[in-house]
Amino acid sequence: MLGFSAKWRPGSDSWAVITGSTDGIGLAYAKAMAKKGYCVFLLSRNQQKLDKVKADILNEFPKCPQVKIMAVDFTLDTIYKRISDEIHALNGHVHVLVNNVGMAYKYPEYFTKIPNSDQFISNILNCNILSVTRMTHIILPIMEARRSGIIINVASYSALFPTPFLAIYSASKIYMDYFSRALHSEYSDRGIVVQSVLPYYVSTNMIRNPRISFMIPSPDQFVHSALKTVGVETRTYGYFAHNVLAFFQSFIVKFIIGNNLNTKIAYFRMKRLRKGCYKRKGLSHYV
């Protein structure tokens, strides 16, 4: 789905807000916004990591006018009044929001066998669904008033089709994707770009830092590529190799054979990963 040309508006009073900004893709977006010359407001859970990222950005990107940090746990639903107060107290206005924070399973698992499932269900829904909704609800009115803004929601390739053994995770990313695409339709005529980003594997902590390859870019490589699509594609896979894979699975497999095949492939792949995890723990995978 094509959008319109995005207009970046960095400056001494123009802010980019990034959640989950101390590692991986979120950190790469934070550095990219600082490099463009935005003030950056970084939200993440670990205060020590935030302090380090702030120092690194100020040292590496002299064009970045200000760096503000806030330690916050997005698995909680009581944080948004404090976040809203901090955002509205910024010296300037918010022009970019990157909703990147998220959590995943530690390993693929049957829905009824997820460890500490009551807490995990609340945590993942708060982190993956509530965060993108509430952060957008706080910041979108600021953009609407100025008729200018860019919202980038980092979903996942798993939003393409249901992923067994990662049921809550893949469902939460489908929510992000649909939410983003609907909002873009609502607000594109008001000068606001809303982009859904669906990365395949990127070398990050979330997927245990796999080796960088043609199919698995570093976070900086991925974000450098994905930013070229802002205002061009409202739904993007962000990276050439991921586009190729998505074309194969979304069009060739889905429309010629049927989407059930993708889910069946995911079923056997995730079940094999689950078996490997149980084996490493010395447990029976039939548990």
Protein backbone atom coordinates (compact mmCIF):
# COMPACT_ATOMS: atom_id res chain seq x y z
CA MET A 1 0.00 0.00 0.00
CA LEU A 2 1.57 3.26 -1.08
CA GLY A 3 1.57 6.40 0.99
CA PHE A 4 2.86 9.89 0.35
CA SER A 5 6.30 11.39 0.72
CA ALA A 6 7.30 11.76 4.35
CA LYS A 7 8.76 15.09 5.42
CA TRP A 8 11.31 14.82 8.18
CA ARG A 9 11.37 17.94 10.37
CA PRO A 10 14.32 17.71 12.77
CA GLY A 11 15.36 20.70 14.84
CA SER A 12 16.09 22.04 18.28
CA ASP A 13 12.38 21.89 19.24
CA SER A 14 11.40 18.76 17.30
CA TRP A 15 11.29 15.45 19.17
CA ALA A 16 11.38 11.79 18.24
CA VAL A 17 9.98 9.48 20.93
CA ILE A 18 11.23 5.89 20.82
CA THR A 19 10.08 3.04 23.08
CA GLY A 20 12.25 0.00 23.75
CA SER A 21 15.22 2.13 22.76
CA THR A 22 18.25 0.61 24.49
CA ASP A 23 18.78 -2.48 22.32
CA GLY A 24 18.27 -3.84 18.84
CA ILE A 25 15.89 -2.19 16.42
CA GLY A 26 14.74 0.45 18.91
CA LEU A 27 18.29 1.58 19.58
CA ALA A 28 18.96 1.72 15.82
CA TYR A 29 15.90 3.95 15.32
CA ALA A 30 17.04 6.16 18.21
CA LYS A 31 20.47 6.62 16.64
CA ALA A 32 18.95 7.25 13.22
CA MET A 33 16.69 10.00 14.59
CA ALA A 34 19.58 11.57 16.49
CA LYS A 35 21.68 11.50 13.33
CA LYS A 36 18.92 13.35 11.46
CA GLY A 37 19.06 16.10 14.08
CA TYR A 38 15.97 15.36 16.15
CA CYS A 39 15.83 15.72 19.90
CA VAL A 40 15.22 12.19 21.16
CA PHE A 41 13.13 10.98 24.09
CA LEU A 42 14.08 7.41 24.93
CA LEU A 43 11.83 5.14 26.98
CA SER A 44 12.97 1.73 28.18
CA ARG A 45 13.05 -0.35 31.34
CA ASN A 46 16.71 -0.36 32.33
CA GLN A 47 18.05 2.90 33.78
CA GLN A 48 21.71 1.94 33.40
CA LYS A 49 21.27 1.11 29.73
CA LEU A 50 19.40 4.36 29.19
CA ASP A 51 22.21 6.34 30.80
CA LYS A 52 24.75 4.65 28.53
CA VAL A 53 22.69 5.14 25.38
CA LYS A 54 22.18 8.81 26.22
CA ALA A 55 25.92 9.35 26.67
CA ASP A 56 26.73 7.42 23.48
CA ILE A 57 24.23 9.37 21.37
CA LEU A 58 25.39 12.76 22.63
CA ASN A 59 28.97 11.75 21.91
CA GLU A 60 28.35 10.18 18.49
CA PHE A 61 25.76 12.56 17.02
CA PRO A 62 26.59 16.24 17.57
CA LYS A 63 23.57 17.24 15.45
CA CYS A 64 21.25 15.84 18.14
CA PRO A 65 20.13 18.87 20.22
CA GLN A 66 18.81 17.02 23.29
CA VAL A 67 18.45 13.53 24.72
CA LYS A 68 15.85 12.84 27.38
CA ILE A 69 15.48 9.42 29.02
CA MET A 70 12.80 7.77 31.13
CA ALA A 71 12.93 4.35 32.79
CA VAL A 72 9.53 2.75 32.50
CA ASP A 73 8.15 -0.81 32.50
CA PHE A 74 5.70 -1.32 29.63
CA THR A 75 4.34 -4.53 31.14
CA LEU A 76 2.46 -2.26 33.58
CA ASP A 77 -0.74 -0.40 32.73
CA THR A 78 -0.26 2.37 35.31
CA ILE A 79 2.60 4.23 33.59
CA TYR A 80 0.84 6.37 31.01
CA LYS A 81 -0.12 9.36 33.13
CA ARG A 82 3.55 9.86 34.00
CA ILE A 83 4.61 9.38 30.37
CA SER A 84 1.96 11.82 29.17
CA ASP A 85 3.08 14.45 31.68
CA GLU A 86 6.71 14.12 30.55
CA ILE A 87 5.81 14.34 26.87
CA HIS A 88 3.63 17.41 27.30
CA ALA A 89 6.40 19.05 29.32
CA LEU A 90 8.93 18.74 26.49
CA ASN A 91 10.39 21.96 25.18
CA GLY A 92 8.95 21.71 21.69
CA HIS A 93 6.70 19.25 19.90
CA VAL A 94 6.75 15.56 18.99
CA HIS A 95 7.14 14.90 15.27
CA VAL A 96 8.16 11.22 15.31
CA LEU A 97 6.94 8.29 17.41
CA VAL A 98 8.55 4.87 17.09
CA ASN A 99 6.55 2.20 18.93
CA ASN A 100 9.17 -0.52 19.15
CA VAL A 101 8.90 -1.95 22.66
CA GLY A 102 7.76 -5.55 22.75
CA MET A 103 8.25 -8.92 24.37
CA ALA A 104 8.22 -12.45 23.03
CA TYR A 105 8.15 -16.02 24.27
CA LYS A 106 11.39 -17.42 25.69
CA TYR A 107 10.75 -20.49 23.54
CA PRO A 108 7.80 -21.81 21.48
CA GLU A 109 5.17 -23.38 23.73
CA TYR A 110 1.62 -24.67 23.85
CA PHE A 111 -0.76 -21.98 25.09
CA THR A 112 -1.77 -23.97 28.20
CA LYS A 113 1.83 -24.78 29.12
CA ILE A 114 3.35 -21.27 29.13
CA PRO A 115 5.32 -20.84 32.38
CA ASN A 116 3.73 -18.37 34.84
CA SER A 117 0.98 -17.97 32.28
CA ASP A 118 -1.27 -15.58 34.23
CA GLN A 119 1.51 -13.02 34.61
CA PHE A 120 2.95 -13.67 31.16
CA ILE A 121 -0.39 -13.09 29.42
CA SER A 122 -0.85 -9.73 31.15
CA ASN A 123 2.74 -8.71 30.49
CA ILE A 124 2.82 -9.52 26.78
CA LEU A 125 -0.57 -7.95 26.07
CA ASN A 126 0.39 -4.79 27.96
CA CYS A 127 3.80 -4.57 26.30
CA ASN A 128 2.81 -5.46 22.72
CA ILE A 129 -0.73 -4.12 22.41
CA LEU A 130 -1.50 -1.60 25.15
CA SER A 131 1.81 0.25 24.70
CA VAL A 132 1.34 1.02 21.00
CA THR A 133 -2.27 2.03 21.61
CA ARG A 134 -1.66 4.29 24.59
CA MET A 135 1.54 5.90 23.26
CA THR A 136 -0.25 6.71 20.01
CA HIS A 137 -3.24 8.05 21.93
CA ILE A 138 -0.94 10.41 23.85
CA ILE A 139 1.08 11.69 20.89
CA LEU A 140 -1.25 11.62 17.88
CA PRO A 141 -3.24 14.70 19.05
CA ILE A 142 0.03 16.68 19.17
CA MET A 143 0.74 15.71 15.57
CA GLU A 144 -2.84 16.32 14.48
CA ALA A 145 -2.77 19.87 15.87
CA ARG A 146 0.32 20.62 13.75
CA ARG A 147 -0.93 18.55 10.78
CA SER A 148 2.45 16.83 10.62
CA GLY A 149 3.92 13.68 12.11
CA ILE A 150 5.38 10.23 11.53
CA ILE A 151 4.41 7.15 13.55
CA ILE A 152 6.41 3.96 13.00
CA ASN A 153 5.01 0.82 14.61
CA VAL A 154 7.43 -2.11 14.68
CA ALA A 155 5.29 -5.23 14.40
CA SER A 156 6.71 -8.54 13.13
CA TYR A 157 6.82 -10.86 10.16
CA SER A 158 4.74 -13.22 12.30
CA ALA A 159 1.76 -10.93 11.64
CA LEU A 160 1.57 -12.41 8.14
CA PHE A 161 -0.10 -15.61 9.28
CA PRO A 162 -0.96 -17.37 12.57
CA THR A 163 2.12 -18.83 14.24
CA PRO A 164 1.42 -21.91 16.39
CA PHE A 165 3.33 -22.13 19.68
CA LEU A 166 3.70 -18.32 19.54
CA ALA A 167 -0.05 -17.71 19.51
CA ILE A 168 -0.22 -14.61 21.73
CA TYR A 169 2.87 -13.03 20.18
CA SER A 170 1.76 -13.42 16.57
CA ALA A 171 -1.77 -12.26 17.43
CA SER A 172 -0.40 -9.16 19.16
CA LYS A 173 1.62 -8.28 16.07
CA ILE A 174 -1.44 -8.67 13.84
CA TYR A 175 -3.13 -6.12 16.10
CA MET A 176 -0.24 -3.69 15.61
CA ASP A 177 -0.36 -4.16 11.85
CA TYR A 178 -4.12 -3.62 11.51
CA PHE A 179 -4.07 -0.72 13.99
CA SER A 180 -1.33 1.01 12.00
CA ARG A 181 -2.95 0.55 8.60
CA ALA A 182 -6.33 1.76 9.84
CA LEU A 183 -4.81 4.86 11.46
CA HIS A 184 -2.91 5.72 8.31
CA SER A 185 -6.18 5.73 6.38
CA GLU A 186 -7.77 7.93 9.05
CA TYR A 187 -4.97 10.49 9.32
CA SER A 188 -3.03 10.57 6.04
CA ASP A 189 -5.10 13.52 4.81
CA ARG A 190 -3.98 15.44 7.91
CA GLY A 191 -0.27 15.23 7.09
CA ILE A 192 0.45 12.21 9.30
CA VAL A 193 2.24 9.06 8.15
CA VAL A 194 1.56 5.85 10.08
CA GLN A 195 3.76 2.96 9.02
CA SER A 196 3.58 -0.71 9.96
CA VAL A 197 6.98 -2.42 9.90
CA LEU A 198 7.10 -6.22 9.72
CA PRO A 199 10.71 -7.39 10.09
CA TYR A 200 11.75 -10.99 9.65
CA TYR A 201 14.80 -12.04 11.69
CA VAL A 202 17.15 -9.22 12.69
CA SER A 203 20.23 -9.88 14.83
CA THR A 204 18.87 -8.76 18.22
CA ASN A 205 18.66 -9.96 21.81
CA MET A 206 15.04 -10.97 21.28
CA ILE A 207 16.10 -13.75 18.92
CA ARG A 208 19.36 -14.49 20.74
CA ASN A 209 21.63 -12.53 18.37
CA PRO A 210 21.92 -14.87 15.37
CA ARG A 211 24.84 -14.39 13.02
CA ILE A 212 24.39 -11.54 10.54
CA SER A 213 23.77 -12.84 7.03
CA PHE A 214 21.97 -12.00 3.80
CA MET A 215 18.63 -12.86 5.44
CA ILE A 216 19.50 -11.55 8.93
CA PRO A 217 20.73 -7.94 8.96
CA SER A 218 22.08 -6.04 11.92
CA PRO A 219 19.62 -3.60 13.55
CA ASP A 220 21.46 -0.63 11.99
CA GLN A 221 21.32 -2.22 8.53
CA PHE A 222 17.63 -2.97 8.92
CA VAL A 223 16.66 0.52 10.12
CA HIS A 224 18.79 2.24 7.47
CA SER A 225 16.83 0.27 4.87
CA ALA A 226 13.42 0.62 6.53
CA LEU A 227 13.65 4.40 6.86
CA LYS A 228 13.86 4.68 3.07
CA THR A 229 10.30 3.30 2.92
CA VAL A 230 8.71 5.86 5.28
CA GLY A 231 6.13 7.77 3.28
CA VAL A 232 6.55 5.35 0.38
CA GLU A 233 5.07 2.20 1.90
CA THR A 234 2.56 2.28 4.74
CA ARG A 235 3.21 -1.43 5.32
CA THR A 236 6.80 -2.55 4.85
CA TYR A 237 9.07 -5.49 5.51
CA GLY A 238 11.87 -2.97 5.67
CA TYR A 239 14.66 -4.98 4.09
CA PHE A 240 15.20 -6.40 0.60
CA ALA A 241 15.68 -10.03 1.63
CA HIS A 242 12.61 -9.85 3.86
CA ASN A 243 10.60 -8.44 0.95
CA VAL A 244 11.59 -11.41 -1.19
CA LEU A 245 10.58 -13.91 1.50
CA ALA A 246 7.31 -12.11 2.16
CA PHE A 247 6.48 -12.05 -1.57
CA PHE A 248 6.99 -15.80 -1.72
CA GLN A 249 4.95 -16.59 1.40
CA SER A 250 2.29 -13.90 1.04
CA PHE A 251 1.58 -14.17 -2.65
CA ILE A 252 2.89 -17.38 -4.16
CA VAL A 253 2.13 -19.68 -1.24
CA LYS A 254 -0.94 -17.89 0.15
CA PHE A 255 -2.82 -17.22 -3.07
CA ILE A 256 -1.79 -20.29 -5.06
CA ILE A 257 -1.69 -22.95 -2.35
CA GLY A 258 -3.44 -21.32 0.60
CA ASN A 259 -2.43 -19.61 3.81
CA ASN A 260 -2.91 -22.82 5.80
CA LEU A 261 0.35 -24.10 4.34
CA ASN A 262 2.26 -21.19 5.92
CA THR A 263 0.70 -21.98 9.29
CA LYS A 264 1.49 -25.68 8.92
CA ILE A 265 5.11 -24.88 8.04
CA ALA A 266 5.29 -22.61 11.10
CA TYR A 267 3.71 -25.36 13.23
CA PHE A 268 6.37 -27.93 12.41
CA ARG A 269 9.20 -25.42 12.65
CA MET A 270 8.11 -24.08 16.04
CA LYS A 271 7.41 -27.57 17.36
CA ARG A 272 10.95 -28.59 16.38
CA LEU A 273 12.36 -25.54 18.18
CA ARG A 274 10.29 -26.39 21.24
CA LYS A 275 11.61 -29.95 21.20
CA GLY A 276 15.20 -28.66 21.02
CA CYS A 277 14.62 -26.36 23.98
CA TYR A 278 13.13 -29.16 26.06
CA LYS A 279 16.05 -31.43 25.14
CA ARG A 280 18.57 -28.81 26.32
CA LYS A 281 16.68 -28.63 29.62
CA GLY A 282 16.64 -32.42 29.96
CA LEU A 283 12.84 -32.56 29.78
CA SER A 284 10.46 -34.60 27.70
CA HIS A 285 9.05 -32.57 24.80
CA TYR A 286 5.77 -34.46 25.26
CA VAL A 287 5.16 -32.65 28.54
